[in-house]
C-alpha atoms as a PDB file:
ATOM      1  CA  UNK A   1      33.239 -34.163 110.588  1.00  0.00           C
ATOM      2  CA  UNK A   2      31.753 -36.993 112.924  1.00  0.00           C
ATOM      3  CA  UNK A   3      35.714 -39.263 113.714  1.00  0.00           C
ATOM      4  CA  UNK A   4      35.593 -42.032 111.318  1.00  0.00           C
ATOM      5  CA  UNK A   5      38.139 -44.331 110.639  1.00  0.00           C
ATOM      6  CA  UNK A   6      39.337 -43.336 107.689  1.00  0.00           C
ATOM      7  CA  UNK A   7      39.797 -39.979 105.873  1.00  0.00           C
ATOM      8  CA  UNK A   8      39.164 -40.286 102.670  1.00  0.00           C
ATOM      9  CA  UNK A   9      38.576 -43.069  99.397  1.00  0.00           C
ATOM     10  CA  UNK A  10      38.576 -42.179  96.563  1.00  0.00           C
ATOM     11  CA  UNK A  11      36.744 -45.217  93.979  1.00  0.00           C
ATOM     12  CA  UNK A  12      37.232 -46.421  89.341  1.00  0.00           C
ATOM     13  CA  UNK A  13      40.417 -46.415  87.153  1.00  0.00           C
ATOM     14  CA  UNK A  14      43.956 -46.969  87.872  1.00  0.00           C
ATOM     15  CA  UNK A  15      46.612 -48.186  85.655  1.00  0.00           C
ATOM     16  CA  UNK A  16      50.324 -48.202  83.978  1.00  0.00           C
ATOM     17  CA  UNK A  17      50.985 -44.540  82.447  1.00  0.00           C
ATOM     18  CA  UNK A  18      53.664 -45.618  79.578  1.00  0.00           C
ATOM     19  CA  UNK A  19      55.120 -42.271  79.665  1.00  0.00           C
ATOM     20  CA  UNK A  20      57.709 -40.551  76.238  1.00  0.00           C
ATOM     21  CA  UNK A  21      61.032 -40.728  78.001  1.00  0.00           C
ATOM     22  CA  UNK A  22      61.816 -38.390  74.148  1.00  0.00           C
ATOM     23  CA  UNK A  23      60.993 -34.635  75.817  1.00  0.00           C
ATOM     24  CA  UNK A  24      59.297 -32.492  73.119  1.00  0.00           C
ATOM     25  CA  UNK A  25      59.758 -35.921  70.548  1.00  0.00           C
ATOM     26  CA  UNK A  26      56.770 -36.248  67.803  1.00  0.00           C
ATOM     27  CA  UNK A  27      54.560 -39.210  68.698  1.00  0.00           C
ATOM     28  CA  UNK A  28      55.976 -41.127  66.102  1.00  0.00           C
ATOM     29  CA  UNK A  29      59.891 -40.519  66.598  1.00  0.00           C
ATOM     30  CA  UNK A  30      59.873 -41.346  70.892  1.00  0.00           C
ATOM     31  CA  UNK A  31      63.087 -43.822  71.741  1.00  0.00           C
ATOM     32  CA  UNK A  32      62.220 -45.098  74.610  1.00  0.00           C
ATOM     33  CA  UNK A  33      59.785 -45.457  77.551  1.00  0.00           C
ATOM     34  CA  UNK A  34      59.173 -45.190  81.259  1.00  0.00           C
ATOM     35  CA  UNK A  35      57.224 -46.611  83.321  1.00  0.00           C
ATOM     36  CA  UNK A  36      54.414 -45.278  85.946  1.00  0.00           C
ATOM     37  CA  UNK A  37      51.621 -45.567  87.184  1.00  0.00           C
ATOM     38  CA  UNK A  38      48.096 -43.083  86.365  1.00  0.00           C
ATOM     39  CA  UNK A  39      44.091 -43.039  86.740  1.00  0.00           C
ATOM     40  CA  UNK A  40      43.238 -40.045  88.180  1.00  0.00           C
ATOM     41  CA  UNK A  41      40.903 -41.644  90.960  1.00  0.00           C
ATOM     42  CA  UNK A  42      44.768 -43.356  91.536  1.00  0.00           C
ATOM     43  CA  UNK A  43      47.212 -40.547  90.893  1.00  0.00           C
ATOM     44  CA  UNK A  44      44.756 -37.933  94.011  1.00  0.00           C
ATOM     45  CA  UNK A  45      44.655 -41.215  96.307  1.00  0.00           C
ATOM     46  CA  UNK A  46      48.705 -41.036  96.108  1.00  0.00           C
ATOM     47  CA  UNK A  47      48.795 -37.254  96.320  1.00  0.00           C
ATOM     48  CA  UNK A  48      46.750 -36.901  99.680  1.00  0.00           C
ATOM     49  CA  UNK A  49      48.640 -40.084 100.547  1.00  0.00           C
ATOM     50  CA  UNK A  50      51.863 -38.494 100.211  1.00  0.00           C
ATOM     51  CA  UNK A  51      49.976 -35.624 102.035  1.00  0.00           C
ATOM     52  CA  UNK A  52      49.900 -38.017 105.450  1.00  0.00           C
ATOM     53  CA  UNK A  53      46.430 -38.387 104.620  1.00  0.00           C
ATOM     54  CA  UNK A  54      44.659 -41.759 105.107  1.00  0.00           C
ATOM     55  CA  UNK A  55      44.276 -41.962 102.022  1.00  0.00           C
ATOM     56  CA  UNK A  56      42.144 -45.159 100.085  1.00  0.00           C
ATOM     57  CA  UNK A  57      41.987 -46.512  96.358  1.00  0.00           C
ATOM     58  CA  UNK A  58      39.195 -48.634  95.453  1.00  0.00           C
ATOM     59  CA  UNK A  59      40.050 -49.793  91.537  1.00  0.00           C
ATOM     60  CA  UNK A  60      40.263 -53.804  90.121  1.00  0.00           C
ATOM     61  CA  UNK A  61      43.154 -54.662  88.433  1.00  0.00           C
ATOM     62  CA  UNK A  62      43.230 -57.946  85.902  1.00  0.00           C
ATOM     63  CA  UNK A  63      45.260 -61.464  87.178  1.00  0.00           C
ATOM     64  CA  UNK A  64      48.735 -59.593  84.832  1.00  0.00           C
ATOM     65  CA  UNK A  65      52.066 -58.302  86.310  1.00  0.00           C
ATOM     66  CA  UNK A  66      50.646 -54.730  85.323  1.00  0.00           C
ATOM     67  CA  UNK A  67      48.017 -54.936  87.915  1.00  0.00           C
ATOM     68  CA  UNK A  68      50.913 -56.741  90.725  1.00  0.00           C
ATOM     69  CA  UNK A  69      53.352 -53.479  88.907  1.00  0.00           C
ATOM     70  CA  UNK A  70      50.044 -50.770  90.090  1.00  0.00           C
ATOM     71  CA  UNK A  71      49.156 -52.464  93.814  1.00  0.00           C
ATOM     72  CA  UNK A  72      52.746 -52.480  94.180  1.00  0.00           C
ATOM     73  CA  UNK A  73      53.030 -49.057  93.551  1.00  0.00           C
ATOM     74  CA  UNK A  74      50.266 -48.776  96.266  1.00  0.00           C
ATOM     75  CA  UNK A  75      51.546 -50.434  98.254  1.00  0.00           C
ATOM     76  CA  UNK A  76      54.890 -48.287  98.737  1.00  0.00           C
ATOM     77  CA  UNK A  77      52.915 -45.203  99.091  1.00  0.00           C
ATOM     78  CA  UNK A  78      50.865 -46.053 102.003  1.00  0.00           C
ATOM     79  CA  UNK A  79      48.004 -46.892 100.517  1.00  0.00           C
ATOM     80  CA  UNK A  80      44.883 -48.969 101.893  1.00  0.00           C
ATOM     81  CA  UNK A  81      44.525 -51.262  98.968  1.00  0.00           C
ATOM     82  CA  UNK A  82      42.772 -54.131 100.722  1.00  0.00           C
ATOM     83  CA  UNK A  83      39.768 -53.154  99.000  1.00  0.00           C
ATOM     84  CA  UNK A  84      41.220 -53.561  95.004  1.00  0.00           C
ATOM     85  CA  UNK A  85      39.918 -56.855  93.779  1.00  0.00           C
ATOM     86  CA  UNK A  86      41.493 -58.547  90.850  1.00  0.00           C
ATOM     87  CA  UNK A  87      39.387 -59.693  88.693  1.00  0.00           C
ATOM     88  CA  UNK A  88      40.582 -62.614  86.360  1.00  0.00           C
ATOM     89  CA  UNK A  89      38.361 -62.327  82.830  1.00  0.00           C
ATOM     90  CA  UNK A  90      39.635 -58.972  82.831  1.00  0.00           C
ATOM     91  CA  UNK A  91      43.321 -56.122  82.395  1.00  0.00           C
ATOM     92  CA  UNK A  92      44.838 -54.020  83.740  1.00  0.00           C
ATOM     93  CA  UNK A  93      44.708 -50.823  82.538  1.00  0.00           C
ATOM     94  CA  UNK A  94      47.541 -49.412  80.522  1.00  0.00           C
ATOM     95  CA  UNK A  95      48.498 -45.689  78.977  1.00  0.00           C
ATOM     96  CA  UNK A  96      50.957 -44.681  76.264  1.00  0.00           C
ATOM     97  CA  UNK A  97      51.395 -41.047  76.249  1.00  0.00           C
ATOM     98  CA  UNK A  98      54.017 -38.800  74.509  1.00  0.00           C
ATOM     99  CA  UNK A  99      54.990 -35.208  75.736  1.00  0.00           C
ATOM    100  CA  UNK A 100      55.723 -32.718  73.332  1.00  0.00           C
ATOM    101  CA  UNK A 101      54.870 -28.698  75.420  1.00  0.00           C
ATOM    102  CA  UNK A 102      53.205 -26.638  76.170  1.00  0.00           C
ATOM    103  CA  UNK A 103      50.060 -27.520  74.579  1.00  0.00           C
ATOM    104  CA  UNK A 104      50.251 -31.722  72.393  1.00  0.00           C
ATOM    105  CA  UNK A 105      50.433 -34.644  75.111  1.00  0.00           C
ATOM    106  CA  UNK A 106      49.076 -36.833  72.956  1.00  0.00           C
ATOM    107  CA  UNK A 107      47.666 -40.459  74.694  1.00  0.00           C
ATOM    108  CA  UNK A 108      46.189 -43.590  73.448  1.00  0.00           C
ATOM    109  CA  UNK A 109      44.121 -45.690  76.243  1.00  0.00           C
ATOM    110  CA  UNK A 110      43.773 -49.825  76.284  1.00  0.00           C
ATOM    111  CA  UNK A 111      40.654 -50.026  78.497  1.00  0.00           C
ATOM    112  CA  UNK A 112      39.576 -53.222  76.464  1.00  0.00           C
ATOM    113  CA  UNK A 113      38.237 -55.551  78.822  1.00  0.00           C
ATOM    114  CA  UNK A 114      39.366 -53.216  80.986  1.00  0.00           C
ATOM    115  CA  UNK A 115      39.738 -54.722  85.264  1.00  0.00           C
ATOM    116  CA  UNK A 116      38.466 -51.339  86.996  1.00  0.00           C
ATOM    117  CA  UNK A 117      34.901 -50.937  84.895  1.00  0.00           C
ATOM    118  CA  UNK A 118      34.409 -55.170  86.779  1.00  0.00           C
ATOM    119  CA  UNK A 119      34.209 -52.836  89.806  1.00  0.00           C
ATOM    120  CA  UNK A 120      30.760 -53.919  91.195  1.00  0.00           C
ATOM    121  CA  UNK A 121      28.525 -53.292  94.154  1.00  0.00           C
ATOM    122  CA  UNK A 122      29.775 -56.297  96.422  1.00  0.00           C
ATOM    123  CA  UNK A 123      33.351 -54.774  95.954  1.00  0.00           C
ATOM    124  CA  UNK A 124      31.789 -51.606  97.330  1.00  0.00           C
ATOM    125  CA  UNK A 125      29.946 -53.214  99.909  1.00  0.00           C
ATOM    126  CA  UNK A 126      33.406 -55.315 101.221  1.00  0.00           C
ATOM    127  CA  UNK A 127      35.296 -51.748 100.793  1.00  0.00           C
ATOM    128  CA  UNK A 128      33.200 -50.008 103.870  1.00  0.00           C
ATOM    129  CA  UNK A 129      32.789 -46.138 102.909  1.00  0.00           C
ATOM    130  CA  UNK A 130      31.834 -45.562 106.407  1.00  0.00           C
ATOM    131  CA  UNK A 131      34.066 -46.120 107.365  1.00  0.00           C
ATOM    132  CA  UNK A 132      35.520 -43.092 105.751  1.00  0.00           C
ATOM    133  CA  UNK A 133      35.674 -38.951 105.838  1.00  0.00           C
ATOM    134  CA  UNK A 134      35.417 -38.167 101.966  1.00  0.00           C
ATOM    135  CA  UNK A 135      34.418 -40.565  98.696  1.00  0.00           C
ATOM    136  CA  UNK A 136      36.581 -39.224  95.843  1.00  0.00           C
ATOM    137  CA  UNK A 137      34.374 -40.698  92.676  1.00  0.00           C
ATOM    138  CA  UNK A 138      35.016 -40.239  89.272  1.00  0.00           C
ATOM    139  CA  UNK A 139      33.287 -39.668  86.466  1.00  0.00           C
ATOM    140  CA  UNK A 140      35.154 -42.002  83.867  1.00  0.00           C
ATOM    141  CA  UNK A 141      34.563 -44.662  86.728  1.00  0.00           C
ATOM    142  CA  UNK A 142      30.147 -44.196  85.501  1.00  0.00           C
ATOM    143  CA  UNK A 143      30.317 -44.669  81.064  1.00  0.00           C
ATOM    144  CA  UNK A 144      29.547 -48.585  81.524  1.00  0.00           C
ATOM    145  CA  UNK A 145      28.094 -50.915  83.424  1.00  0.00           C
ATOM    146  CA  UNK A 146      28.938 -52.542  86.521  1.00  0.00           C
ATOM    147  CA  UNK A 147      31.208 -49.542  87.329  1.00  0.00           C
ATOM    148  CA  UNK A 148      28.937 -46.709  86.800  1.00  0.00           C
ATOM    149  CA  UNK A 149      26.190 -48.966  89.572  1.00  0.00           C
ATOM    150  CA  UNK A 150      28.713 -49.705  91.849  1.00  0.00           C
ATOM    151  CA  UNK A 151      29.405 -45.682  92.176  1.00  0.00           C
ATOM    152  CA  UNK A 152      25.624 -44.078  92.488  1.00  0.00           C
ATOM    153  CA  UNK A 153      25.302 -47.315  95.725  1.00  0.00           C
ATOM    154  CA  UNK A 154      28.920 -46.195  96.937  1.00  0.00           C
ATOM    155  CA  UNK A 155      27.773 -41.716  96.842  1.00  0.00           C
ATOM    156  CA  UNK A 156      24.343 -44.092  97.583  1.00  0.00           C
ATOM    157  CA  UNK A 157      26.271 -45.519 100.732  1.00  0.00           C
ATOM    158  CA  UNK A 158      28.263 -41.843 102.157  1.00  0.00           C
ATOM    159  CA  UNK A 159      25.349 -39.642 101.649  1.00  0.00           C
ATOM    160  CA  UNK A 160      23.333 -42.300 104.318  1.00  0.00           C
ATOM    161  CA  UNK A 161      26.591 -42.171 106.263  1.00  0.00           C
ATOM    162  CA  UNK A 162      28.185 -38.334 106.079  1.00  0.00           C
ATOM    163  CA  UNK A 163      30.455 -38.890 104.578  1.00  0.00           C
ATOM    164  CA  UNK A 164      31.002 -36.329 101.929  1.00  0.00           C
ATOM    165  CA  UNK A 165      31.484 -37.083  98.310  1.00  0.00           C
ATOM    166  CA  UNK A 166      33.575 -35.206  95.631  1.00  0.00           C
ATOM    167  CA  UNK A 167      33.292 -36.114  91.927  1.00  0.00           C
ATOM    168  CA  UNK A 168      36.169 -35.077  90.137  1.00  0.00           C
ATOM    169  CA  UNK A 169      34.340 -34.627  86.201  1.00  0.00           C
ATOM    170  CA  UNK A 170      37.348 -36.424  84.727  1.00  0.00           C
ATOM    171  CA  UNK A 171      35.321 -36.219  81.314  1.00  0.00           C
ATOM    172  CA  UNK A 172      37.842 -38.637  78.632  1.00  0.00           C
ATOM    173  CA  UNK A 173      35.714 -38.214  74.915  1.00  0.00           C
ATOM    174  CA  UNK A 174      36.792 -40.709  74.129  1.00  0.00           C
ATOM    175  CA  UNK A 175      35.742 -43.237  77.138  1.00  0.00           C
ATOM    176  CA  UNK A 176      32.567 -42.535  75.962  1.00  0.00           C
ATOM    177  CA  UNK A 177      29.938 -44.079  73.161  1.00  0.00           C
ATOM    178  CA  UNK A 178      28.631 -40.519  72.858  1.00  0.00           C
ATOM    179  CA  UNK A 179      29.636 -37.173  74.886  1.00  0.00           C
ATOM    180  CA  UNK A 180      26.071 -36.709  75.248  1.00  0.00           C
ATOM    181  CA  UNK A 181      25.598 -40.068  77.619  1.00  0.00           C
ATOM    182  CA  UNK A 182      28.804 -38.040  79.917  1.00  0.00           C
ATOM    183  CA  UNK A 183      25.917 -34.917  80.853  1.00  0.00           C
ATOM    184  CA  UNK A 184      23.022 -37.527  81.319  1.00  0.00           C
ATOM    185  CA  UNK A 185      25.316 -39.121  84.050  1.00  0.00           C
ATOM    186  CA  UNK A 186      27.100 -37.246  85.967  1.00  0.00           C
ATOM    187  CA  UNK A 187      23.544 -35.167  86.102  1.00  0.00           C
ATOM    188  CA  UNK A 188      21.788 -37.745  87.356  1.00  0.00           C
ATOM    189  CA  UNK A 189      24.833 -38.633  90.582  1.00  0.00           C
ATOM    190  CA  UNK A 190      25.196 -34.412  91.323  1.00  0.00           C
ATOM    191  CA  UNK A 191      21.826 -34.424  93.576  1.00  0.00           C
ATOM    192  CA  UNK A 192      23.740 -36.961  95.736  1.00  0.00           C
ATOM    193  CA  UNK A 193      27.340 -35.012  95.442  1.00  0.00           C
ATOM    194  CA  UNK A 194      28.111 -32.255  97.644  1.00  0.00           C
ATOM    195  CA  UNK A 195      31.557 -30.908  96.055  1.00  0.00           C
ATOM    196  CA  UNK A 196      31.699 -31.117  91.999  1.00  0.00           C
ATOM    197  CA  UNK A 197      35.879 -30.520  90.109  1.00  0.00           C
ATOM    198  CA  UNK A 198      35.716 -30.181  86.311  1.00  0.00           C
ATOM    199  CA  UNK A 199      37.345 -27.655  83.717  1.00  0.00           C
ATOM    200  CA  UNK A 200      35.474 -24.942  81.213  1.00  0.00           C
ATOM    201  CA  UNK A 201      36.017 -27.843  78.875  1.00  0.00           C
ATOM    202  CA  UNK A 202      34.294 -30.889  81.552  1.00  0.00           C
ATOM    203  CA  UNK A 203      31.144 -28.960  82.096  1.00  0.00           C
ATOM    204  CA  UNK A 204      30.290 -28.106  79.166  1.00  0.00           C
ATOM    205  CA  UNK A 205      30.443 -31.664  78.568  1.00  0.00           C
ATOM    206  CA  UNK A 206      28.413 -32.528  81.511  1.00  0.00           C
ATOM    207  CA  UNK A 207      25.730 -29.772  80.320  1.00  0.00           C
ATOM    208  CA  UNK A 208      25.231 -31.082  76.232  1.00  0.00           C
ATOM    209  CA  UNK A 209      22.386 -31.638  74.654  1.00  0.00           C
ATOM    210  CA  UNK A 210      23.408 -30.863  71.009  1.00  0.00           C
ATOM    211  CA  UNK A 211      26.181 -32.958  69.404  1.00  0.00           C
ATOM    212  CA  UNK A 212      26.889 -29.742  66.911  1.00  0.00           C
ATOM    213  CA  UNK A 213      29.096 -27.447  70.069  1.00  0.00           C
ATOM    214  CA  UNK A 214      31.295 -30.205  69.392  1.00  0.00           C
ATOM    215  CA  UNK A 215      34.736 -29.140  67.712  1.00  0.00           C
ATOM    216  CA  UNK A 216      36.563 -32.517  66.553  1.00  0.00           C
ATOM    217  CA  UNK A 217      39.932 -31.534  65.426  1.00  0.00           C
ATOM    218  CA  UNK A 218      42.447 -34.868  65.322  1.00  0.00           C
ATOM    219  CA  UNK A 219      41.035 -36.033  68.959  1.00  0.00           C
ATOM    220  CA  UNK A 220      44.633 -38.248  68.750  1.00  0.00           C
ATOM    221  CA  UNK A 221      45.741 -35.456  69.376  1.00  0.00           C
ATOM    222  CA  UNK A 222      44.159 -33.244  71.762  1.00  0.00           C
ATOM    223  CA  UNK A 223      40.054 -33.951  73.217  1.00  0.00           C
ATOM    224  CA  UNK A 224      37.466 -31.990  71.272  1.00  0.00           C
ATOM    225  CA  UNK A 225      36.954 -28.423  71.801  1.00  0.00           C
ATOM    226  CA  UNK A 226      33.026 -27.816  73.517  1.00  0.00           C
ATOM    227  CA  UNK A 227      31.385 -24.918  72.597  1.00  0.00           C
ATOM    228  CA  UNK A 228      29.398 -23.554  74.874  1.00  0.00           C
ATOM    229  CA  UNK A 229      27.957 -21.379  77.678  1.00  0.00           C
ATOM    230  CA  UNK A 230      30.123 -21.997  80.950  1.00  0.00           C
ATOM    231  CA  UNK A 231      28.307 -19.528  82.947  1.00  0.00           C
ATOM    232  CA  UNK A 232      25.234 -21.583  82.139  1.00  0.00           C
ATOM    233  CA  UNK A 233      26.431 -23.897  82.283  1.00  0.00           C
ATOM    234  CA  UNK A 234      28.277 -23.822  85.504  1.00  0.00           C
ATOM    235  CA  UNK A 235      24.282 -22.368  87.020  1.00  0.00           C
ATOM    236  CA  UNK A 236      23.244 -25.064  85.936  1.00  0.00           C
ATOM    237  CA  UNK A 237      25.248 -28.294  87.480  1.00  0.00           C
ATOM    238  CA  UNK A 238      24.985 -25.761  90.744  1.00  0.00           C
ATOM    239  CA  UNK A 239      21.357 -25.472  90.549  1.00  0.00           C
ATOM    240  CA  UNK A 240      21.377 -29.437  90.650  1.00  0.00           C
ATOM    241  CA  UNK A 241      21.732 -29.741  94.066  1.00  0.00           C
ATOM    242  CA  UNK A 242      25.729 -29.605  95.067  1.00  0.00           C
ATOM    243  CA  UNK A 243      26.541 -26.771  97.925  1.00  0.00           C
ATOM    244  CA  UNK A 244      30.236 -26.087  95.192  1.00  0.00           C
ATOM    245  CA  UNK A 245      31.923 -26.531  92.099  1.00  0.00           C
ATOM    246  CA  UNK A 246      35.619 -25.719  91.712  1.00  0.00           C
ATOM    247  CA  UNK A 247      36.211 -24.566  88.510  1.00  0.00           C
ATOM    248  CA  UNK A 248      40.072 -25.648  87.488  1.00  0.00           C
ATOM    249  CA  UNK A 249      41.341 -22.353  84.742  1.00  0.00           C
ATOM    250  CA  UNK A 250      45.129 -24.332  84.476  1.00  0.00           C
ATOM    251  CA  UNK A 251      47.865 -20.958  85.176  1.00  0.00           C
ATOM    252  CA  UNK A 252      44.694 -18.269  85.935  1.00  0.00           C
ATOM    253  CA  UNK A 253      43.714 -21.206  89.107  1.00  0.00           C
ATOM    254  CA  UNK A 254      40.756 -21.878  90.743  1.00  0.00           C
ATOM    255  CA  UNK A 255      37.446 -20.381  90.769  1.00  0.00           C
ATOM    256  CA  UNK A 256      34.540 -21.713  93.900  1.00  0.00           C
ATOM    257  CA  UNK A 257      30.961 -21.182  92.948  1.00  0.00           C
ATOM    258  CA  UNK A 258      28.271 -21.984  96.208  1.00  0.00           C
ATOM    259  CA  UNK A 259      24.872 -22.566  96.238  1.00  0.00           C
ATOM    260  CA  UNK A 260      24.281 -19.477  97.517  1.00  0.00           C
ATOM    261  CA  UNK A 261      25.080 -17.167  94.546  1.00  0.00           C
ATOM    262  CA  UNK A 262      28.812 -16.510  95.040  1.00  0.00           C
ATOM    263  CA  UNK A 263      31.944 -17.233  94.099  1.00  0.00           C
ATOM    264  CA  UNK A 264      35.579 -16.707  94.608  1.00  0.00           C
ATOM    265  CA  UNK A 265      38.436 -16.837  92.416  1.00  0.00           C
ATOM    266  CA  UNK A 266      42.290 -18.408  93.741  1.00  0.00           C
ATOM    267  CA  UNK A 267      44.990 -17.850  92.496  1.00  0.00           C
ATOM    268  CA  UNK A 268      47.441 -20.655  91.140  1.00  0.00           C
ATOM    269  CA  UNK A 269      50.843 -20.121  90.798  1.00  0.00           C
ATOM    270  CA  UNK A 270      52.771 -19.559  87.657  1.00  0.00           C
ATOM    271  CA  UNK A 271      55.025 -22.103  87.351  1.00  0.00           C
ATOM    272  CA  UNK A 272      56.956 -23.753  83.304  1.00  0.00           C
ATOM    273  CA  UNK A 273      54.748 -25.795  82.212  1.00  0.00           C
ATOM    274  CA  UNK A 274      56.659 -29.060  81.118  1.00  0.00           C
ATOM    275  CA  UNK A 275      53.698 -31.503  80.738  1.00  0.00           C
ATOM    276  CA  UNK A 276      49.780 -31.166  81.609  1.00  0.00           C
ATOM    277  CA  UNK A 277      48.383 -34.227  82.436  1.00  0.00           C
ATOM    278  CA  UNK A 278      47.681 -35.199  86.286  1.00  0.00           C
ATOM    279  CA  UNK A 279      47.552 -31.913  87.507  1.00  0.00           C
ATOM    280  CA  UNK A 280      44.303 -31.579  88.146  1.00  0.00           C
ATOM    281  CA  UNK A 281      44.778 -35.013  90.490  1.00  0.00           C
ATOM    282  CA  UNK A 282      47.139 -33.280  91.744  1.00  0.00           C
ATOM    283  CA  UNK A 283      45.058 -30.199  92.494  1.00  0.00           C
ATOM    284  CA  UNK A 284      42.329 -32.041  93.895  1.00  0.00           C
ATOM    285  CA  UNK A 285      44.810 -34.510  96.737  1.00  0.00           C
ATOM    286  CA  UNK A 286      46.253 -30.992  98.286  1.00  0.00           C
ATOM    287  CA  UNK A 287      42.570 -29.592  97.719  1.00  0.00           C
ATOM    288  CA  UNK A 288      41.408 -32.729  99.693  1.00  0.00           C
ATOM    289  CA  UNK A 289      43.744 -31.853 102.249  1.00  0.00           C
ATOM    290  CA  UNK A 290      42.678 -28.680 103.371  1.00  0.00           C
ATOM    291  CA  UNK A 291      39.459 -29.537 103.528  1.00  0.00           C
ATOM    292  CA  UNK A 292      40.453 -32.480 106.436  1.00  0.00           C
ATOM    293  CA  UNK A 293      42.178 -30.230 108.520  1.00  0.00           C
ATOM    294  CA  UNK A 294      38.613 -28.165 108.288  1.00  0.00           C
ATOM    295  CA  UNK A 295      40.531 -25.116 106.271  1.00  0.00           C
ATOM    296  CA  UNK A 296      38.138 -22.652 104.659  1.00  0.00           C
ATOM    297  CA  UNK A 297      37.699 -22.955 100.881  1.00  0.00           C
ATOM    298  CA  UNK A 298      40.315 -20.872  99.517  1.00  0.00           C
ATOM    299  CA  UNK A 299      43.528 -22.254 101.669  1.00  0.00           C
ATOM    300  CA  UNK A 300      42.287 -25.272 100.609  1.00  0.00           C
ATOM    301  CA  UNK A 301      42.264 -23.970  96.884  1.00  0.00           C
ATOM    302  CA  UNK A 302      45.725 -22.896  97.372  1.00  0.00           C
ATOM    303  CA  UNK A 303      46.825 -25.364  98.694  1.00  0.00           C
ATOM    304  CA  UNK A 304      46.099 -27.603  95.841  1.00  0.00           C
ATOM    305  CA  UNK A 305      47.401 -24.779  93.150  1.00  0.00           C
ATOM    306  CA  UNK A 306      50.140 -25.383  94.765  1.00  0.00           C
ATOM    307  CA  UNK A 307      50.256 -29.154  94.209  1.00  0.00           C
ATOM    308  CA  UNK A 308      48.456 -28.704  90.925  1.00  0.00           C
ATOM    309  CA  UNK A 309      51.552 -26.323  89.681  1.00  0.00           C
ATOM    310  CA  UNK A 310      54.322 -28.332  91.195  1.00  0.00           C
ATOM    311  CA  UNK A 311      52.904 -31.952  88.640  1.00  0.00           C
ATOM    312  CA  UNK A 312      53.396 -29.065  85.505  1.00  0.00           C
ATOM    313  CA  UNK A 313      57.139 -29.174  85.757  1.00  0.00           C
ATOM    314  CA  UNK A 314      57.000 -32.871  85.799  1.00  0.00           C
ATOM    315  CA  UNK A 315      57.520 -35.597  83.408  1.00  0.00           C
ATOM    316  CA  UNK A 316      54.222 -37.863  84.774  1.00  0.00           C
ATOM    317  CA  UNK A 317      51.580 -38.316  87.393  1.00  0.00           C
ATOM    318  CA  UNK A 318      51.237 -39.617  90.623  1.00  0.00           C
ATOM    319  CA  UNK A 319      55.271 -40.855  90.757  1.00  0.00           C
ATOM    320  CA  UNK A 320      55.996 -36.621  91.055  1.00  0.00           C
ATOM    321  CA  UNK A 321      53.035 -35.389  93.354  1.00  0.00           C
ATOM    322  CA  UNK A 322      54.361 -33.411  96.503  1.00  0.00           C
ATOM    323  CA  UNK A 323      55.038 -34.172  99.534  1.00  0.00           C
ATOM    324  CA  UNK A 324      53.374 -32.360 102.652  1.00  0.00           C
ATOM    325  CA  UNK A 325      56.644 -30.531 103.079  1.00  0.00           C
ATOM    326  CA  UNK A 326      57.672 -30.260 100.290  1.00  0.00           C
ATOM    327  CA  UNK A 327      53.609 -28.151  99.344  1.00  0.00           C
ATOM    328  CA  UNK A 328      54.928 -25.674 102.135  1.00  0.00           C
ATOM    329  CA  UNK A 329      58.008 -24.861 101.079  1.00  0.00           C
ATOM    330  CA  UNK A 330      56.499 -24.084  97.889  1.00  0.00           C
ATOM    331  CA  UNK A 331      53.822 -21.794  98.246  1.00  0.00           C
ATOM    332  CA  UNK A 332      56.173 -20.309 101.703  1.00  0.00           C
ATOM    333  CA  UNK A 333      59.204 -19.130  98.724  1.00  0.00           C
ATOM    334  CA  UNK A 334      55.789 -18.278  95.692  1.00  0.00           C
ATOM    335  CA  UNK A 335      54.360 -16.091  98.569  1.00  0.00           C
ATOM    336  CA  UNK A 336      52.288 -17.602 100.863  1.00  0.00           C
ATOM    337  CA  UNK A 337      48.794 -19.358 101.187  1.00  0.00           C
END
């Protein structure tokens, strides 16, 4: 990579996250909440910063105490916040989350009139995207205007200025008026993306053409289940212009698919799961750290898997991202890269 002023800028949502203090209690029986911060791009920026990466976050907050809470946390984490505007006629986002291991993590989004959905083209210009090595964009930021155009514009600037674009698919079903719109919009931006990251569910959503493939159970508890041929979906995304697709497989690690037709599986690290929320964001931060070090994809994914494995043993997301020392020690204890 040519010399750049900064390492990574992430673009998209940010929120105050209220996590249940009563692990295992059903949502109706929660007695109290811990106030953390969240939102996939915010989590990734914090994860990067804790590993020593020079990271910035392009999001937006409202003129409210929640916005102050979010920005204060970011400043304490040494995230560059110079490009976070205050949107006066909107609200900072909030999420309320339950924790019922091993597989129930109900969450409620408060994103009506969300400030981070008001990030616009001017905000992207003010963020100086050409100064970075990597731009990380986010699927949820594509769900409405003006943040959709802002994300496309950021990717366009990155392509013109030798900035690698990484897309976290981040499919949040309740943030889209039509599940098919998620895939249409994602596929429209893929030609500007070098590396895409997603779960099998997100990859199926990104190629969804028929709503009969969607099985909705209790959407308050879990995302809809999407049926389909995962291998065909992977090949469709690879054919769209990206170089690399990383398929997150939870405890089974990650699979690397390249546009030259090769596939490589990277094992995960076995741990006891407390809370899966934020694990994918932790993975992305560890992976980006490895890429910035010039590591190969396998080693970078192992670093990502180590970050994810540590976060699933914790109660929250951004607040529990590991430091570089913690990750390297964790990897060493688990047998190395």
